[in-house]
Amino acid sequence: MKEQERWGVVYCPKSRVLHPHRLWERMRSYMESQGVLYDFVQSDGPGSVERLVHMLVKGGYRTIVIVGGDGALCQAANALMAEPAEVRDTVSLGVIPNGVGNDFARFWDLDEDDYQRSIRVVMQHKVRRVDVGLCRWTDHEGTQGQRYFLNCVTVGLAARLMGVKRKARRFWGVDALAGPFGRLSLLFQRVTTPICTRVNLDVIDQRVLTVCVGNAHGYGLTPGGVPYNGLLDVSVVSHARMLQFVNGLWMMVTGRFLNHPNVKAFRTRERVVITCPPRAGFGIDGYAPGLMVEKLEVEVLAERIRFVVP
């Protein structure tokens, strides 16, 4: 491996996990056995990945590898989108999944339990341009903000699910228990919210469980989403009786979610506008910012980031 191909690696250890650095030591050992040249920095908490990626870009690294989940990838994407296009176009972003949510990595068939394959994928360095979502919002005080995303934006129940899963992950310590525990808890949180969603020429103005705007699979809510077709997938989930709700969770797990009678699905190149009560809750790539948002505008920016894929 040539020196100019040295990777900049950002390691994001999982919180409240016994011996979180053991996995990194195994990764380090495997990369060194494969002759990978790299420099390593460690995330020290929420928000630090963005700062570290900026530092690596300015340091001249052209392959930046995130060892983390969807939240860390989202921060990395925001850091790259803040760079001038001529700089961003020289940087490739790779991932070794190691997060509470690894949905974007899973889209590319990258498994958290097979870090060696993920490392080999980065070594092979097959790059394609992927789309980036952009979410702009206005909070209840009229303050505006924006954030880029790779996977999805959720409003309502699905956003609360992300928070529940994170809490369950910290409590149970393993994703195998956190996922089912989080879904089970939703059986007691089937609260609908008046949300108005404008997609293309359609307006859905009613009480719904959740709205998901996906650039990719959206944690099963937009299973047809593809992050390189210049399109957004939108799912609007209306209220369901208990048995319908349980069936919907099962269909989401088995990839048949869009067939559920309480799901309206759309695909668009246009901006999606969502108006909701401030307490509806919203999430970006599995992270809930905790903002009191009244209006969101979501759009897709085609082929903005170079991503290392299998």
C-alpha atoms as a PDB file:
ATOM      1  CA  MET A   1       0.000   0.000   0.000  1.00  0.00           C
ATOM      2  CA  LYS A   2       1.391   3.394  -0.987  1.00  0.00           C
ATOM      3  CA  GLU A   3       1.970   6.071   1.647  1.00  0.00           C
ATOM      4  CA  GLN A   4      -0.334   8.520  -0.131  1.00  0.00           C
ATOM      5  CA  GLU A   5      -3.143   5.951   0.257  1.00  0.00           C
ATOM      6  CA  ARG A   6      -2.932   6.056   4.056  1.00  0.00           C
ATOM      7  CA  TRP A   7      -6.351   5.955   5.684  1.00  0.00           C
ATOM      8  CA  GLY A   8      -7.652   8.350   8.286  1.00  0.00           C
ATOM      9  CA  VAL A   9      -9.656   6.173  10.692  1.00  0.00           C
ATOM     10  CA  VAL A  10     -12.231   7.596  13.123  1.00  0.00           C
ATOM     11  CA  TYR A  11     -13.082   5.044  15.811  1.00  0.00           C
ATOM     12  CA  CYS A  12     -16.377   5.519  17.663  1.00  0.00           C
ATOM     13  CA  PRO A  13     -16.517   3.148  20.651  1.00  0.00           C
ATOM     14  CA  LYS A  14     -19.938   2.029  21.800  1.00  0.00           C
ATOM     15  CA  SER A  15     -20.997   3.579  25.083  1.00  0.00           C
ATOM     16  CA  ARG A  16     -21.626   1.437  28.156  1.00  0.00           C
ATOM     17  CA  VAL A  17     -20.170  -1.682  26.590  1.00  0.00           C
ATOM     18  CA  LEU A  18     -17.693  -3.805  28.506  1.00  0.00           C
ATOM     19  CA  HIS A  19     -14.231  -3.647  26.931  1.00  0.00           C
ATOM     20  CA  PRO A  20     -15.220  -1.450  23.943  1.00  0.00           C
ATOM     21  CA  HIS A  21     -11.625  -1.321  22.706  1.00  0.00           C
ATOM     22  CA  ARG A  22     -11.215  -5.065  22.235  1.00  0.00           C
ATOM     23  CA  LEU A  23     -12.944  -4.864  18.859  1.00  0.00           C
ATOM     24  CA  TRP A  24     -10.664  -2.040  17.775  1.00  0.00           C
ATOM     25  CA  GLU A  25      -7.590  -4.037  18.784  1.00  0.00           C
ATOM     26  CA  ARG A  26      -8.776  -6.915  16.590  1.00  0.00           C
ATOM     27  CA  MET A  27      -9.408  -4.506  13.714  1.00  0.00           C
ATOM     28  CA  ARG A  28      -6.015  -2.893  14.182  1.00  0.00           C
ATOM     29  CA  SER A  29      -4.303  -6.282  14.165  1.00  0.00           C
ATOM     30  CA  TYR A  30      -6.109  -7.366  11.001  1.00  0.00           C
ATOM     31  CA  MET A  31      -5.388  -4.116   9.133  1.00  0.00           C
ATOM     32  CA  GLU A  32      -1.709  -4.330  10.008  1.00  0.00           C
ATOM     33  CA  SER A  33      -1.588  -7.972   8.868  1.00  0.00           C
ATOM     34  CA  GLN A  34      -2.997  -6.800   5.510  1.00  0.00           C
ATOM     35  CA  GLY A  35      -0.428  -4.054   5.151  1.00  0.00           C
ATOM     36  CA  VAL A  36      -2.917  -1.187   5.588  1.00  0.00           C
ATOM     37  CA  LEU A  37      -1.364   2.181   6.351  1.00  0.00           C
ATOM     38  CA  TYR A  38      -3.563   4.288   8.601  1.00  0.00           C
ATOM     39  CA  ASP A  39      -3.669   6.945  11.265  1.00  0.00           C
ATOM     40  CA  PHE A  40      -6.233   6.626  14.016  1.00  0.00           C
ATOM     41  CA  VAL A  41      -8.287   9.115  16.004  1.00  0.00           C
ATOM     42  CA  GLN A  42     -10.993   8.304  18.532  1.00  0.00           C
ATOM     43  CA  SER A  43     -14.330  10.021  18.917  1.00  0.00           C
ATOM     44  CA  ASP A  44     -14.798  11.414  22.419  1.00  0.00           C
ATOM     45  CA  GLY A  45     -18.580  11.757  22.284  1.00  0.00           C
ATOM     46  CA  PRO A  46     -21.542  13.060  20.273  1.00  0.00           C
ATOM     47  CA  GLY A  47     -20.551  15.731  17.777  1.00  0.00           C
ATOM     48  CA  SER A  48     -16.839  15.011  17.782  1.00  0.00           C
ATOM     49  CA  VAL A  49     -16.845  12.951  14.563  1.00  0.00           C
ATOM     50  CA  GLU A  50     -17.627  16.038  12.508  1.00  0.00           C
ATOM     51  CA  ARG A  51     -14.664  17.891  13.993  1.00  0.00           C
ATOM     52  CA  LEU A  52     -12.330  14.920  13.494  1.00  0.00           C
ATOM     53  CA  VAL A  53     -13.321  14.447   9.849  1.00  0.00           C
ATOM     54  CA  HIS A  54     -12.636  18.139   9.191  1.00  0.00           C
ATOM     55  CA  MET A  55      -9.222  17.666  10.792  1.00  0.00           C
ATOM     56  CA  LEU A  56      -8.427  14.620   8.638  1.00  0.00           C
ATOM     57  CA  VAL A  57      -9.499  16.345   5.435  1.00  0.00           C
ATOM     58  CA  LYS A  58      -7.305  19.319   6.244  1.00  0.00           C
ATOM     59  CA  GLY A  59      -4.494  16.865   7.038  1.00  0.00           C
ATOM     60  CA  GLY A  60      -4.603  15.603   3.458  1.00  0.00           C
ATOM     61  CA  TYR A  61      -6.237  12.193   4.022  1.00  0.00           C
ATOM     62  CA  ARG A  62      -8.182  11.064   0.969  1.00  0.00           C
ATOM     63  CA  THR A  63      -9.715   7.878   2.419  1.00  0.00           C
ATOM     64  CA  ILE A  64     -11.614   8.442   5.662  1.00  0.00           C
ATOM     65  CA  VAL A  65     -13.004   5.358   7.382  1.00  0.00           C
ATOM     66  CA  ILE A  66     -15.681   5.623  10.063  1.00  0.00           C
ATOM     67  CA  VAL A  67     -15.763   2.774  12.590  1.00  0.00           C
ATOM     68  CA  GLY A  68     -19.244   3.505  13.888  1.00  0.00           C
ATOM     69  CA  GLY A  69     -22.950   3.566  13.126  1.00  0.00           C
ATOM     70  CA  ASP A  70     -25.464   5.716  11.284  1.00  0.00           C
ATOM     71  CA  GLY A  71     -25.055   8.685  13.612  1.00  0.00           C
ATOM     72  CA  ALA A  72     -21.292   8.780  13.065  1.00  0.00           C
ATOM     73  CA  LEU A  73     -21.726   8.455   9.288  1.00  0.00           C
ATOM     74  CA  CYS A  74     -24.226  11.308   9.373  1.00  0.00           C
ATOM     75  CA  GLN A  75     -21.695  13.517  11.154  1.00  0.00           C
ATOM     76  CA  ALA A  76     -19.019  12.542   8.624  1.00  0.00           C
ATOM     77  CA  ALA A  77     -21.356  13.394   5.736  1.00  0.00           C
ATOM     78  CA  ASN A  78     -22.085  16.804   7.283  1.00  0.00           C
ATOM     79  CA  ALA A  79     -18.365  17.472   7.632  1.00  0.00           C
ATOM     80  CA  LEU A  80     -17.732  16.579   3.978  1.00  0.00           C
ATOM     81  CA  MET A  81     -20.688  18.640   2.744  1.00  0.00           C
ATOM     82  CA  ALA A  82     -19.205  21.655   4.534  1.00  0.00           C
ATOM     83  CA  GLU A  83     -16.042  21.345   2.416  1.00  0.00           C
ATOM     84  CA  PRO A  84     -15.748  22.983  -1.016  1.00  0.00           C
ATOM     85  CA  ALA A  85     -16.829  20.658  -3.851  1.00  0.00           C
ATOM     86  CA  GLU A  86     -13.302  20.544  -5.278  1.00  0.00           C
ATOM     87  CA  VAL A  87     -12.011  19.227  -1.931  1.00  0.00           C
ATOM     88  CA  ARG A  88     -14.948  16.883  -1.261  1.00  0.00           C
ATOM     89  CA  ASP A  89     -14.509  15.283  -4.679  1.00  0.00           C
ATOM     90  CA  THR A  90     -11.020  14.088  -3.695  1.00  0.00           C
ATOM     91  CA  VAL A  91     -12.188  12.308  -0.509  1.00  0.00           C
ATOM     92  CA  SER A  92     -13.707   8.819  -0.260  1.00  0.00           C
ATOM     93  CA  LEU A  93     -15.783   7.827   2.784  1.00  0.00           C
ATOM     94  CA  GLY A  94     -15.801   4.229   4.017  1.00  0.00           C
ATOM     95  CA  VAL A  95     -17.439   2.494   6.955  1.00  0.00           C
ATOM     96  CA  ILE A  96     -16.772  -0.408   9.291  1.00  0.00           C
ATOM     97  CA  PRO A  97     -20.144  -0.794  11.053  1.00  0.00           C
ATOM     98  CA  ASN A  98     -19.949  -0.491  14.839  1.00  0.00           C
ATOM     99  CA  GLY A  99     -23.010   1.351  16.048  1.00  0.00           C
ATOM    100  CA  VAL A 100     -26.421   1.017  17.671  1.00  0.00           C
ATOM    101  CA  GLY A 101     -27.880   1.495  14.187  1.00  0.00           C
ATOM    102  CA  ASN A 102     -25.963   0.306  11.105  1.00  0.00           C
ATOM    103  CA  ASP A 103     -28.749   0.657   8.577  1.00  0.00           C
ATOM    104  CA  PHE A 104     -26.768   2.474   5.885  1.00  0.00           C
ATOM    105  CA  ALA A 105     -23.930  -0.054   6.106  1.00  0.00           C
ATOM    106  CA  ARG A 106     -26.488  -2.867   6.005  1.00  0.00           C
ATOM    107  CA  PHE A 107     -27.815  -1.479   2.704  1.00  0.00           C
ATOM    108  CA  TRP A 108     -24.414  -2.353   1.223  1.00  0.00           C
ATOM    109  CA  ASP A 109     -24.435  -5.808   2.877  1.00  0.00           C
ATOM    110  CA  LEU A 110     -21.776  -4.794   5.390  1.00  0.00           C
ATOM    111  CA  ASP A 111     -22.229  -6.726   8.638  1.00  0.00           C
ATOM    112  CA  GLU A 112     -21.100  -5.535  12.053  1.00  0.00           C
ATOM    113  CA  ASP A 113     -20.085  -9.090  12.904  1.00  0.00           C
ATOM    114  CA  ASP A 114     -17.733  -9.334   9.881  1.00  0.00           C
ATOM    115  CA  TYR A 115     -15.340  -6.420  10.263  1.00  0.00           C
ATOM    116  CA  GLN A 116     -12.691  -8.215   8.205  1.00  0.00           C
ATOM    117  CA  ARG A 117     -14.883  -8.091   5.102  1.00  0.00           C
ATOM    118  CA  SER A 118     -15.605  -4.399   5.689  1.00  0.00           C
ATOM    119  CA  ILE A 119     -11.862  -3.729   5.874  1.00  0.00           C
ATOM    120  CA  ARG A 120     -11.272  -5.675   2.653  1.00  0.00           C
ATOM    121  CA  VAL A 121     -14.004  -3.641   0.948  1.00  0.00           C
ATOM    122  CA  VAL A 122     -12.175  -0.416   1.821  1.00  0.00           C
ATOM    123  CA  MET A 123      -8.898  -1.951   0.652  1.00  0.00           C
ATOM    124  CA  GLN A 124     -10.427  -2.792  -2.734  1.00  0.00           C
ATOM    125  CA  HIS A 125     -11.541   0.834  -2.896  1.00  0.00           C
ATOM    126  CA  LYS A 126     -14.449   0.588  -5.297  1.00  0.00           C
ATOM    127  CA  VAL A 127     -16.039   4.023  -5.121  1.00  0.00           C
ATOM    128  CA  ARG A 128     -19.406   5.284  -6.276  1.00  0.00           C
ATOM    129  CA  ARG A 129     -21.115   8.591  -5.734  1.00  0.00           C
ATOM    130  CA  VAL A 130     -24.097   8.495  -3.374  1.00  0.00           C
ATOM    131  CA  ASP A 131     -26.949  10.909  -2.803  1.00  0.00           C
ATOM    132  CA  VAL A 132     -27.177  13.057   0.299  1.00  0.00           C
ATOM    133  CA  GLY A 133     -30.437  14.157   1.885  1.00  0.00           C
ATOM    134  CA  LEU A 134     -30.872  17.674   3.199  1.00  0.00           C
ATOM    135  CA  CYS A 135     -33.351  18.469   5.979  1.00  0.00           C
ATOM    136  CA  ARG A 136     -34.181  22.080   6.779  1.00  0.00           C
ATOM    137  CA  TRP A 137     -36.407  22.917   9.729  1.00  0.00           C
ATOM    138  CA  THR A 138     -38.107  25.741  11.559  1.00  0.00           C
ATOM    139  CA  ASP A 139     -38.671  25.375  15.294  1.00  0.00           C
ATOM    140  CA  HIS A 140     -41.498  26.735  17.425  1.00  0.00           C
ATOM    141  CA  GLU A 141     -39.598  29.985  17.985  1.00  0.00           C
ATOM    142  CA  GLY A 142     -39.033  30.552  14.261  1.00  0.00           C
ATOM    143  CA  THR A 143     -35.349  29.591  14.382  1.00  0.00           C
ATOM    144  CA  GLN A 144     -34.124  27.753  11.294  1.00  0.00           C
ATOM    145  CA  GLY A 145     -31.567  24.984  11.019  1.00  0.00           C
ATOM    146  CA  GLN A 146     -30.428  22.298   8.633  1.00  0.00           C
ATOM    147  CA  ARG A 147     -28.683  18.938   8.576  1.00  0.00           C
ATOM    148  CA  TYR A 148     -27.538  16.515   5.895  1.00  0.00           C
ATOM    149  CA  PHE A 149     -28.324  12.804   6.148  1.00  0.00           C
ATOM    150  CA  LEU A 150     -27.551   9.533   4.380  1.00  0.00           C
ATOM    151  CA  ASN A 151     -30.316   7.250   5.615  1.00  0.00           C
ATOM    152  CA  CYS A 152     -33.579   8.927   6.639  1.00  0.00           C
ATOM    153  CA  VAL A 153     -35.561  11.579   8.472  1.00  0.00           C
ATOM    154  CA  THR A 154     -38.394  10.374  10.717  1.00  0.00           C
ATOM    155  CA  VAL A 155     -41.232  12.258  12.397  1.00  0.00           C
ATOM    156  CA  GLY A 156     -43.523  10.876  15.106  1.00  0.00           C
ATOM    157  CA  LEU A 157     -43.432   7.344  16.457  1.00  0.00           C
ATOM    158  CA  ALA A 158     -40.406   6.141  14.459  1.00  0.00           C
ATOM    159  CA  ALA A 159     -38.312   8.976  15.877  1.00  0.00           C
ATOM    160  CA  ARG A 160     -39.291   7.852  19.389  1.00  0.00           C
ATOM    161  CA  LEU A 161     -38.351   4.282  18.466  1.00  0.00           C
ATOM    162  CA  MET A 162     -34.778   5.394  17.809  1.00  0.00           C
ATOM    163  CA  GLY A 163     -34.589   6.841  21.317  1.00  0.00           C
ATOM    164  CA  VAL A 164     -36.162   3.729  22.833  1.00  0.00           C
ATOM    165  CA  LYS A 165     -33.711   1.465  21.013  1.00  0.00           C
ATOM    166  CA  ARG A 166     -30.743   3.502  22.206  1.00  0.00           C
ATOM    167  CA  LYS A 167     -31.968   3.319  25.800  1.00  0.00           C
ATOM    168  CA  ALA A 168     -32.592  -0.411  25.447  1.00  0.00           C
ATOM    169  CA  ARG A 169     -29.138  -0.857  23.918  1.00  0.00           C
ATOM    170  CA  ARG A 170     -27.560   0.802  26.941  1.00  0.00           C
ATOM    171  CA  PHE A 171     -29.695  -1.273  29.352  1.00  0.00           C
ATOM    172  CA  TRP A 172     -29.418  -4.709  27.711  1.00  0.00           C
ATOM    173  CA  GLY A 173     -25.934  -4.213  26.282  1.00  0.00           C
ATOM    174  CA  VAL A 174     -26.535  -6.140  23.043  1.00  0.00           C
ATOM    175  CA  ASP A 175     -28.425  -5.220  19.866  1.00  0.00           C
ATOM    176  CA  ALA A 176     -30.063  -8.644  19.680  1.00  0.00           C
ATOM    177  CA  LEU A 177     -32.136  -7.724  22.738  1.00  0.00           C
ATOM    178  CA  ALA A 178     -32.347  -3.973  22.152  1.00  0.00           C
ATOM    179  CA  GLY A 179     -34.130  -4.275  18.800  1.00  0.00           C
ATOM    180  CA  PRO A 180     -36.996  -6.545  19.932  1.00  0.00           C
ATOM    181  CA  PHE A 181     -37.285  -4.680  23.251  1.00  0.00           C
ATOM    182  CA  GLY A 182     -37.602  -1.382  21.412  1.00  0.00           C
ATOM    183  CA  ARG A 183     -40.279  -2.716  19.058  1.00  0.00           C
ATOM    184  CA  LEU A 184     -42.179  -4.316  21.934  1.00  0.00           C
ATOM    185  CA  SER A 185     -42.263  -1.010  23.791  1.00  0.00           C
ATOM    186  CA  LEU A 186     -44.014   0.563  20.803  1.00  0.00           C
ATOM    187  CA  LEU A 187     -47.062  -1.559  21.515  1.00  0.00           C
ATOM    188  CA  PHE A 188     -47.682   0.803  24.424  1.00  0.00           C
ATOM    189  CA  GLN A 189     -46.834   4.003  22.510  1.00  0.00           C
ATOM    190  CA  ARG A 190     -49.229   3.897  19.543  1.00  0.00           C
ATOM    191  CA  VAL A 191     -49.899   7.621  19.773  1.00  0.00           C
ATOM    192  CA  THR A 192     -51.011   9.366  16.595  1.00  0.00           C
ATOM    193  CA  THR A 193     -50.033  12.931  15.757  1.00  0.00           C
ATOM    194  CA  PRO A 194     -51.643  15.427  13.366  1.00  0.00           C
ATOM    195  CA  ILE A 195     -49.036  15.715  10.620  1.00  0.00           C
ATOM    196  CA  CYS A 196     -49.415  17.292   7.189  1.00  0.00           C
ATOM    197  CA  THR A 197     -47.117  15.815   4.539  1.00  0.00           C
ATOM    198  CA  ARG A 198     -46.794  17.286   1.046  1.00  0.00           C
ATOM    199  CA  VAL A 199     -45.253  14.952  -1.553  1.00  0.00           C
ATOM    200  CA  ASN A 200     -45.380  15.828  -5.255  1.00  0.00           C
ATOM    201  CA  LEU A 201     -49.018  16.936  -5.736  1.00  0.00           C
ATOM    202  CA  ASP A 202     -50.324  14.858  -2.832  1.00  0.00           C
ATOM    203  CA  VAL A 203     -51.225  16.275   0.568  1.00  0.00           C
ATOM    204  CA  ILE A 204     -51.774  13.855   3.475  1.00  0.00           C
ATOM    205  CA  ASP A 205     -53.220  15.880   6.330  1.00  0.00           C
ATOM    206  CA  GLN A 206     -54.383  13.564   9.116  1.00  0.00           C
ATOM    207  CA  ARG A 207     -53.397  11.962  12.391  1.00  0.00           C
ATOM    208  CA  VAL A 208     -50.634   9.438  11.702  1.00  0.00           C
ATOM    209  CA  LEU A 209     -48.239   7.259  13.638  1.00  0.00           C
ATOM    210  CA  THR A 210     -45.123   8.269  11.746  1.00  0.00           C
ATOM    211  CA  VAL A 211     -43.641   9.729   8.570  1.00  0.00           C
ATOM    212  CA  CYS A 212     -40.309   8.573   7.152  1.00  0.00           C
ATOM    213  CA  VAL A 213     -38.414  10.254   4.313  1.00  0.00           C
ATOM    214  CA  GLY A 214     -35.678   7.869   3.244  1.00  0.00           C
ATOM    215  CA  ASN A 215     -32.586   8.215   1.119  1.00  0.00           C
ATOM    216  CA  ALA A 216     -31.944   4.517   1.854  1.00  0.00           C
ATOM    217  CA  HIS A 217     -33.817   1.781   3.749  1.00  0.00           C
ATOM    218  CA  GLY A 218     -34.916   4.004   6.637  1.00  0.00           C
ATOM    219  CA  TYR A 219     -34.781   1.254   9.302  1.00  0.00           C
ATOM    220  CA  GLY A 220     -37.326  -0.756   7.329  1.00  0.00           C
ATOM    221  CA  LEU A 221     -39.760   2.129   6.820  1.00  0.00           C
ATOM    222  CA  THR A 222     -38.598   2.899   3.262  1.00  0.00           C
ATOM    223  CA  PRO A 223     -37.331  -0.545   2.188  1.00  0.00           C
ATOM    224  CA  GLY A 224     -37.226   0.428  -1.503  1.00  0.00           C
ATOM    225  CA  GLY A 225     -34.966   3.414  -0.930  1.00  0.00           C
ATOM    226  CA  VAL A 226     -31.750   3.557  -2.979  1.00  0.00           C
ATOM    227  CA  PRO A 227     -29.071   6.150  -2.155  1.00  0.00           C
ATOM    228  CA  TYR A 228     -27.890   6.667  -5.729  1.00  0.00           C
ATOM    229  CA  ASN A 229     -31.042   7.189  -7.823  1.00  0.00           C
ATOM    230  CA  GLY A 230     -31.657  10.857  -7.045  1.00  0.00           C
ATOM    231  CA  LEU A 231     -34.987  10.036  -5.389  1.00  0.00           C
ATOM    232  CA  LEU A 232     -36.509  10.126  -1.918  1.00  0.00           C
ATOM    233  CA  ASP A 233     -38.868   7.419  -0.665  1.00  0.00           C
ATOM    234  CA  VAL A 234     -41.643   8.552   1.666  1.00  0.00           C
ATOM    235  CA  SER A 235     -43.798   6.371   3.940  1.00  0.00           C
ATOM    236  CA  VAL A 236     -46.788   7.743   5.839  1.00  0.00           C
ATOM    237  CA  VAL A 237     -48.098   5.298   8.450  1.00  0.00           C
ATOM    238  CA  SER A 238     -51.626   5.863   9.724  1.00  0.00           C
ATOM    239  CA  HIS A 239     -53.221   4.576  12.918  1.00  0.00           C
ATOM    240  CA  ALA A 240     -53.637   0.807  13.222  1.00  0.00           C
ATOM    241  CA  ARG A 241     -55.475  -1.497  15.586  1.00  0.00           C
ATOM    242  CA  MET A 242     -53.338  -3.628  17.888  1.00  0.00           C
ATOM    243  CA  LEU A 243     -53.309  -6.715  15.646  1.00  0.00           C
ATOM    244  CA  GLN A 244     -52.666  -4.578  12.562  1.00  0.00           C
ATOM    245  CA  PHE A 245     -49.859  -2.833  14.399  1.00  0.00           C
ATOM    246  CA  VAL A 246     -48.208  -6.103  15.422  1.00  0.00           C
ATOM    247  CA  ASN A 247     -48.566  -7.349  11.864  1.00  0.00           C
ATOM    248  CA  GLY A 248     -46.995  -4.122  10.615  1.00  0.00           C
ATOM    249  CA  LEU A 249     -43.970  -4.596  12.856  1.00  0.00           C
ATOM    250  CA  TRP A 250     -43.583  -8.129  11.517  1.00  0.00           C
ATOM    251  CA  MET A 251     -43.877  -6.921   7.916  1.00  0.00           C
ATOM    252  CA  MET A 252     -41.236  -4.250   8.627  1.00  0.00           C
ATOM    253  CA  VAL A 253     -38.834  -6.902   9.935  1.00  0.00           C
ATOM    254  CA  THR A 254     -39.470  -9.170   6.937  1.00  0.00           C
ATOM    255  CA  GLY A 255     -39.155  -6.413   4.319  1.00  0.00           C
ATOM    256  CA  ARG A 256     -42.842  -6.326   3.274  1.00  0.00           C
ATOM    257  CA  PHE A 257     -43.717  -3.129   5.082  1.00  0.00           C
ATOM    258  CA  LEU A 258     -45.029  -1.246   2.040  1.00  0.00           C
ATOM    259  CA  ASN A 259     -47.727  -3.900   1.550  1.00  0.00           C
ATOM    260  CA  HIS A 260     -49.410  -2.999   4.831  1.00  0.00           C
ATOM    261  CA  PRO A 261     -52.856  -1.373   4.286  1.00  0.00           C
ATOM    262  CA  ASN A 262     -52.063   1.451   6.724  1.00  0.00           C
ATOM    263  CA  VAL A 263     -48.952   2.547   4.830  1.00  0.00           C
ATOM    264  CA  LYS A 264     -48.989   5.116   2.015  1.00  0.00           C
ATOM    265  CA  ALA A 265     -45.796   5.072  -0.021  1.00  0.00           C
ATOM    266  CA  PHE A 266     -44.427   7.708  -2.398  1.00  0.00           C
ATOM    267  CA  ARG A 267     -41.279   8.331  -4.416  1.00  0.00           C
ATOM    268  CA  THR A 268     -40.179  11.788  -5.468  1.00  0.00           C
ATOM    269  CA  ARG A 269     -37.433  14.020  -6.794  1.00  0.00           C
ATOM    270  CA  GLU A 270     -39.210  17.042  -5.358  1.00  0.00           C
ATOM    271  CA  ARG A 271     -38.935  18.621  -1.935  1.00  0.00           C
ATOM    272  CA  VAL A 272     -41.048  17.009   0.787  1.00  0.00           C
ATOM    273  CA  VAL A 273     -42.696  19.406   3.252  1.00  0.00           C
ATOM    274  CA  ILE A 274     -43.850  18.194   6.681  1.00  0.00           C
ATOM    275  CA  THR A 275     -45.812  20.320   9.149  1.00  0.00           C
ATOM    276  CA  CYS A 276     -46.268  18.920  12.651  1.00  0.00           C
ATOM    277  CA  PRO A 277     -46.841  19.883  16.306  1.00  0.00           C
ATOM    278  CA  PRO A 278     -43.618  20.858  18.125  1.00  0.00           C
ATOM    279  CA  ARG A 279     -43.805  17.798  20.389  1.00  0.00           C
ATOM    280  CA  ALA A 280     -44.156  15.293  17.550  1.00  0.00           C
ATOM    281  CA  GLY A 281     -40.450  14.502  17.696  1.00  0.00           C
ATOM    282  CA  PHE A 282     -38.134  13.984  14.757  1.00  0.00           C
ATOM    283  CA  GLY A 283     -34.935  12.087  14.098  1.00  0.00           C
ATOM    284  CA  ILE A 284     -32.113  12.238  11.560  1.00  0.00           C
ATOM    285  CA  ASP A 285     -30.217   9.015  10.811  1.00  0.00           C
ATOM    286  CA  GLY A 286     -31.305   7.472  14.094  1.00  0.00           C
ATOM    287  CA  TYR A 287     -30.455  10.481  16.232  1.00  0.00           C
ATOM    288  CA  ALA A 288     -33.155  12.605  17.896  1.00  0.00           C
ATOM    289  CA  PRO A 289     -31.888  16.221  18.206  1.00  0.00           C
ATOM    290  CA  GLY A 290     -34.544  17.018  20.820  1.00  0.00           C
ATOM    291  CA  LEU A 291     -35.722  20.151  19.000  1.00  0.00           C
ATOM    292  CA  MET A 292     -39.297  21.504  19.041  1.00  0.00           C
ATOM    293  CA  VAL A 293     -39.816  21.529  15.288  1.00  0.00           C
ATOM    294  CA  GLU A 294     -42.947  22.739  13.503  1.00  0.00           C
ATOM    295  CA  LYS A 295     -41.927  22.464   9.849  1.00  0.00           C
ATOM    296  CA  LEU A 296     -39.425  20.373   7.912  1.00  0.00           C
ATOM    297  CA  GLU A 297     -38.400  20.559   4.264  1.00  0.00           C
ATOM    298  CA  VAL A 298     -36.526  17.526   2.951  1.00  0.00           C
ATOM    299  CA  GLU A 299     -34.790  17.211  -0.409  1.00  0.00           C
ATOM    300  CA  VAL A 300     -32.181  15.037  -2.091  1.00  0.00           C
ATOM    301  CA  LEU A 301     -28.863  16.188  -3.533  1.00  0.00           C
ATOM    302  CA  ALA A 302     -27.745  13.695  -6.164  1.00  0.00           C
ATOM    303  CA  GLU A 303     -24.276  12.111  -6.112  1.00  0.00           C
ATOM    304  CA  ARG A 304     -22.604  14.494  -3.662  1.00  0.00           C
ATOM    305  CA  ILE A 305     -20.309  12.125  -1.703  1.00  0.00           C
ATOM    306  CA  ARG A 306     -17.815   9.479  -2.837  1.00  0.00           C
ATOM    307  CA  PHE A 307     -18.531   6.301  -0.849  1.00  0.00           C
ATOM    308  CA  VAL A 308     -16.539   3.041  -0.777  1.00  0.00           C
ATOM    309  CA  VAL A 309     -18.863   0.145  -1.655  1.00  0.00           C
ATOM    310  CA  PRO A 310     -18.477  -3.645  -2.128  1.00  0.00           C
END
